[in-house]
N, C-alpha and C. Protein backbone atom coordinates (compact mmCIF):
# COMPACT_ATOMS: atom_id res chain seq x y z
N MET A 1 0.84 -1.17 0.00
CA MET A 1 0.00 0.00 0.00
C MET A 1 0.89 1.24 0.00
N GLU A 2 0.53 2.13 -0.80
CA GLU A 2 1.34 3.33 -0.99
C GLU A 2 0.64 4.55 -0.41
N TYR A 3 0.41 4.53 0.87
CA TYR A 3 -0.18 5.70 1.53
C TYR A 3 0.33 5.79 2.96
N THR A 4 0.05 6.93 3.58
CA THR A 4 0.49 7.14 4.95
C THR A 4 -0.71 7.05 5.89
N TYR A 5 -0.42 6.76 7.13
CA TYR A 5 -1.46 6.68 8.16
C TYR A 5 -1.51 8.00 8.92
N PRO A 6 -2.71 8.42 9.31
CA PRO A 6 -2.81 9.66 10.08
C PRO A 6 -2.30 9.48 11.50
N PHE A 7 -1.59 10.48 11.98
CA PHE A 7 -1.13 10.47 13.37
C PHE A 7 -0.77 11.89 13.78
N SER A 8 -0.54 12.07 15.07
CA SER A 8 -0.18 13.37 15.62
C SER A 8 1.29 13.34 16.05
N LEU A 9 1.98 14.42 15.81
CA LEU A 9 3.37 14.53 16.26
C LEU A 9 3.47 14.61 17.78
N ASP A 10 2.34 14.86 18.44
CA ASP A 10 2.31 14.93 19.90
C ASP A 10 2.29 13.54 20.55
N TRP A 11 2.05 12.51 19.77
CA TRP A 11 1.97 11.16 20.31
C TRP A 11 3.35 10.55 20.50
N SER A 12 3.42 9.62 21.42
CA SER A 12 4.66 8.85 21.61
C SER A 12 4.79 7.84 20.47
N THR A 13 5.96 7.26 20.34
CA THR A 13 6.18 6.24 19.32
C THR A 13 5.21 5.07 19.53
N GLU A 14 5.02 4.66 20.77
CA GLU A 14 4.09 3.57 21.08
C GLU A 14 2.66 3.91 20.65
N GLU A 15 2.24 5.14 20.90
CA GLU A 15 0.89 5.55 20.51
C GLU A 15 0.74 5.55 18.99
N ILE A 16 1.75 6.02 18.29
CA ILE A 16 1.70 6.02 16.82
C ILE A 16 1.58 4.59 16.31
N VAL A 17 2.38 3.69 16.86
CA VAL A 17 2.32 2.28 16.46
C VAL A 17 0.93 1.71 16.72
N ASP A 18 0.35 2.01 17.87
CA ASP A 18 -0.97 1.50 18.21
C ASP A 18 -2.05 2.03 17.28
N VAL A 19 -1.98 3.30 16.90
CA VAL A 19 -2.95 3.88 15.98
C VAL A 19 -2.79 3.26 14.59
N VAL A 20 -1.56 3.08 14.15
CA VAL A 20 -1.32 2.42 12.86
C VAL A 20 -1.90 1.01 12.89
N GLN A 21 -1.71 0.30 13.98
CA GLN A 21 -2.27 -1.05 14.10
C GLN A 21 -3.79 -1.04 14.06
N PHE A 22 -4.41 -0.01 14.61
CA PHE A 22 -5.86 0.11 14.52
C PHE A 22 -6.28 0.27 13.06
N PHE A 23 -5.63 1.17 12.34
CA PHE A 23 -6.00 1.37 10.94
C PHE A 23 -5.67 0.14 10.09
N GLU A 24 -4.63 -0.60 10.45
CA GLU A 24 -4.35 -1.86 9.77
C GLU A 24 -5.48 -2.87 10.01
N ALA A 25 -6.08 -2.81 11.20
CA ALA A 25 -7.22 -3.69 11.50
C ALA A 25 -8.43 -3.33 10.63
N ILE A 26 -8.63 -2.06 10.37
CA ILE A 26 -9.70 -1.63 9.47
C ILE A 26 -9.43 -2.18 8.07
N GLU A 27 -8.19 -2.07 7.61
CA GLU A 27 -7.81 -2.63 6.30
C GLU A 27 -8.10 -4.13 6.27
N LYS A 28 -7.70 -4.82 7.32
CA LYS A 28 -7.88 -6.26 7.40
C LYS A 28 -9.37 -6.61 7.32
N ALA A 29 -10.22 -5.83 7.97
CA ALA A 29 -11.66 -6.06 7.92
C ALA A 29 -12.17 -6.02 6.49
N TYR A 30 -11.69 -5.08 5.72
CA TYR A 30 -12.11 -4.95 4.33
C TYR A 30 -11.51 -6.05 3.44
N GLU A 31 -10.28 -6.40 3.69
CA GLU A 31 -9.59 -7.32 2.79
C GLU A 31 -9.88 -8.78 3.07
N ASN A 32 -9.87 -9.18 4.34
CA ASN A 32 -10.03 -10.60 4.68
C ASN A 32 -11.05 -10.85 5.77
N GLY A 33 -11.45 -9.80 6.47
CA GLY A 33 -12.28 -9.96 7.66
C GLY A 33 -11.40 -10.01 8.89
N ILE A 34 -11.96 -9.64 10.02
CA ILE A 34 -11.20 -9.60 11.28
C ILE A 34 -12.12 -10.04 12.41
N LYS A 35 -11.56 -10.74 13.38
CA LYS A 35 -12.35 -11.14 14.55
C LYS A 35 -12.75 -9.89 15.32
N ARG A 36 -13.99 -9.90 15.78
CA ARG A 36 -14.53 -8.76 16.51
C ARG A 36 -13.65 -8.40 17.70
N GLU A 37 -13.21 -9.40 18.46
CA GLU A 37 -12.40 -9.13 19.66
C GLU A 37 -11.09 -8.43 19.32
N GLU A 38 -10.46 -8.82 18.22
CA GLU A 38 -9.21 -8.17 17.82
C GLU A 38 -9.46 -6.71 17.46
N LEU A 39 -10.52 -6.47 16.68
CA LEU A 39 -10.85 -5.11 16.30
C LEU A 39 -11.24 -4.28 17.52
N LEU A 40 -12.02 -4.86 18.42
CA LEU A 40 -12.44 -4.16 19.63
C LEU A 40 -11.24 -3.76 20.47
N LYS A 41 -10.29 -4.65 20.62
CA LYS A 41 -9.07 -4.37 21.38
C LYS A 41 -8.31 -3.19 20.76
N ARG A 42 -8.16 -3.22 19.46
CA ARG A 42 -7.43 -2.14 18.79
C ARG A 42 -8.20 -0.81 18.84
N TYR A 43 -9.53 -0.89 18.73
CA TYR A 43 -10.34 0.32 18.80
C TYR A 43 -10.29 0.94 20.20
N ARG A 44 -10.35 0.11 21.21
CA ARG A 44 -10.27 0.63 22.59
C ARG A 44 -8.95 1.35 22.83
N ARG A 45 -7.88 0.79 22.33
CA ARG A 45 -6.57 1.45 22.46
C ARG A 45 -6.56 2.76 21.67
N PHE A 46 -7.12 2.74 20.47
CA PHE A 46 -7.23 3.96 19.66
C PHE A 46 -7.98 5.04 20.44
N LYS A 47 -9.07 4.66 21.11
CA LYS A 47 -9.88 5.63 21.86
C LYS A 47 -9.14 6.15 23.09
N GLU A 48 -8.21 5.39 23.65
CA GLU A 48 -7.39 5.91 24.74
C GLU A 48 -6.49 7.03 24.23
N ILE A 49 -6.05 6.90 23.01
CA ILE A 49 -5.15 7.89 22.41
C ILE A 49 -5.93 9.05 21.82
N VAL A 50 -7.10 8.75 21.25
CA VAL A 50 -7.94 9.76 20.59
C VAL A 50 -9.33 9.71 21.23
N PRO A 51 -9.49 10.28 22.43
CA PRO A 51 -10.78 10.18 23.12
C PRO A 51 -11.89 11.06 22.52
N SER A 52 -11.53 12.11 21.84
CA SER A 52 -12.51 13.05 21.29
C SER A 52 -13.17 12.48 20.03
N ILE A 53 -14.49 12.55 19.98
CA ILE A 53 -15.22 12.08 18.79
C ILE A 53 -14.87 12.94 17.58
N ALA A 54 -14.73 14.23 17.79
CA ALA A 54 -14.37 15.12 16.68
C ALA A 54 -13.01 14.75 16.10
N GLU A 55 -12.04 14.49 16.97
CA GLU A 55 -10.71 14.07 16.51
C GLU A 55 -10.78 12.72 15.81
N GLU A 56 -11.57 11.81 16.38
CA GLU A 56 -11.74 10.48 15.77
C GLU A 56 -12.23 10.64 14.33
N LYS A 57 -13.26 11.46 14.15
CA LYS A 57 -13.80 11.68 12.80
C LYS A 57 -12.75 12.27 11.87
N THR A 58 -11.93 13.18 12.38
CA THR A 58 -10.87 13.78 11.57
C THR A 58 -9.88 12.71 11.11
N TYR A 59 -9.44 11.86 12.03
CA TYR A 59 -8.49 10.80 11.66
C TYR A 59 -9.14 9.79 10.73
N PHE A 60 -10.40 9.47 10.94
CA PHE A 60 -11.11 8.56 10.03
C PHE A 60 -11.17 9.15 8.62
N ARG A 61 -11.47 10.45 8.51
CA ARG A 61 -11.53 11.09 7.19
C ARG A 61 -10.17 11.10 6.51
N GLU A 62 -9.12 11.40 7.28
CA GLU A 62 -7.77 11.40 6.72
C GLU A 62 -7.39 10.01 6.22
N PHE A 63 -7.73 8.99 7.00
CA PHE A 63 -7.42 7.62 6.61
C PHE A 63 -8.20 7.23 5.35
N GLU A 64 -9.47 7.61 5.29
CA GLU A 64 -10.29 7.31 4.11
C GLU A 64 -9.72 8.00 2.86
N LYS A 65 -9.32 9.24 3.02
CA LYS A 65 -8.75 9.99 1.89
C LYS A 65 -7.48 9.31 1.36
N GLU A 66 -6.65 8.83 2.27
CA GLU A 66 -5.40 8.19 1.89
C GLU A 66 -5.60 6.78 1.33
N SER A 67 -6.48 6.01 1.97
CA SER A 67 -6.57 4.58 1.68
C SER A 67 -7.80 4.16 0.88
N GLY A 68 -8.86 4.94 1.00
CA GLY A 68 -10.12 4.54 0.40
C GLY A 68 -10.99 3.69 1.32
N TYR A 69 -10.46 3.30 2.49
CA TYR A 69 -11.22 2.50 3.45
C TYR A 69 -11.99 3.41 4.40
N ILE A 70 -13.27 3.12 4.57
CA ILE A 70 -14.12 3.92 5.45
C ILE A 70 -14.22 3.20 6.80
N SER A 71 -13.76 3.84 7.84
CA SER A 71 -13.68 3.22 9.16
C SER A 71 -15.04 3.09 9.85
N PHE A 72 -15.88 4.11 9.72
CA PHE A 72 -17.12 4.15 10.50
C PHE A 72 -18.00 2.92 10.32
N PRO A 73 -18.28 2.45 9.09
CA PRO A 73 -19.16 1.27 8.99
C PRO A 73 -18.60 0.02 9.67
N ILE A 74 -17.30 -0.12 9.68
CA ILE A 74 -16.67 -1.28 10.33
C ILE A 74 -16.85 -1.17 11.85
N ILE A 75 -16.63 0.03 12.39
CA ILE A 75 -16.79 0.24 13.83
C ILE A 75 -18.25 0.05 14.22
N LYS A 76 -19.16 0.52 13.38
CA LYS A 76 -20.59 0.36 13.65
C LYS A 76 -20.96 -1.13 13.72
N LYS A 77 -20.48 -1.92 12.75
CA LYS A 77 -20.74 -3.36 12.77
C LYS A 77 -20.18 -3.99 14.05
N MET A 78 -18.98 -3.58 14.42
CA MET A 78 -18.34 -4.12 15.62
C MET A 78 -19.21 -3.84 16.85
N LYS A 79 -19.72 -2.62 16.95
CA LYS A 79 -20.52 -2.24 18.12
C LYS A 79 -21.87 -2.95 18.15
N GLU A 80 -22.43 -3.26 16.99
CA GLU A 80 -23.75 -3.90 16.91
C GLU A 80 -23.69 -5.39 17.23
N GLN A 81 -22.54 -6.00 17.05
CA GLN A 81 -22.40 -7.44 17.28
C GLN A 81 -22.05 -7.71 18.74
N SER A 82 -22.53 -8.83 19.24
CA SER A 82 -22.18 -9.19 20.61
C SER A 82 -21.24 -10.39 20.66
N GLU A 83 -21.32 -11.27 19.68
CA GLU A 83 -20.44 -12.43 19.70
C GLU A 83 -19.18 -12.15 18.88
N ASN A 84 -18.19 -12.99 19.06
CA ASN A 84 -16.89 -12.79 18.39
C ASN A 84 -16.94 -13.36 16.98
N ILE A 85 -17.60 -12.64 16.09
CA ILE A 85 -17.68 -13.07 14.70
C ILE A 85 -16.62 -12.35 13.86
N ILE A 86 -16.51 -12.78 12.64
CA ILE A 86 -15.61 -12.11 11.70
C ILE A 86 -16.35 -10.91 11.12
N ILE A 87 -15.76 -9.75 11.23
CA ILE A 87 -16.35 -8.53 10.68
C ILE A 87 -15.67 -8.26 9.35
N LYS A 88 -16.48 -8.09 8.33
CA LYS A 88 -15.95 -7.87 6.99
C LYS A 88 -16.65 -6.67 6.38
N GLY A 89 -15.86 -5.84 5.70
CA GLY A 89 -16.38 -4.63 5.07
C GLY A 89 -17.02 -4.89 3.75
């Protein structure tokens, strides 16, 4: 993939890695599917780093612009499901 992931220069290296892993999980959902628990774990960590909904939307838009993957529908599916199923975009 020839694009960059959104991040803040204010974040630590660990936080940047965790946010990139979250966006990689979104990619995985679209490409092959991802277990709900794995996505939930990565999303929870993302929300620790980006607690603001407005900021979340900004990073989601930046990621969509770069990659073409839309994060919101995947997160919505994850929240609607209760069992550990494969979530696919």
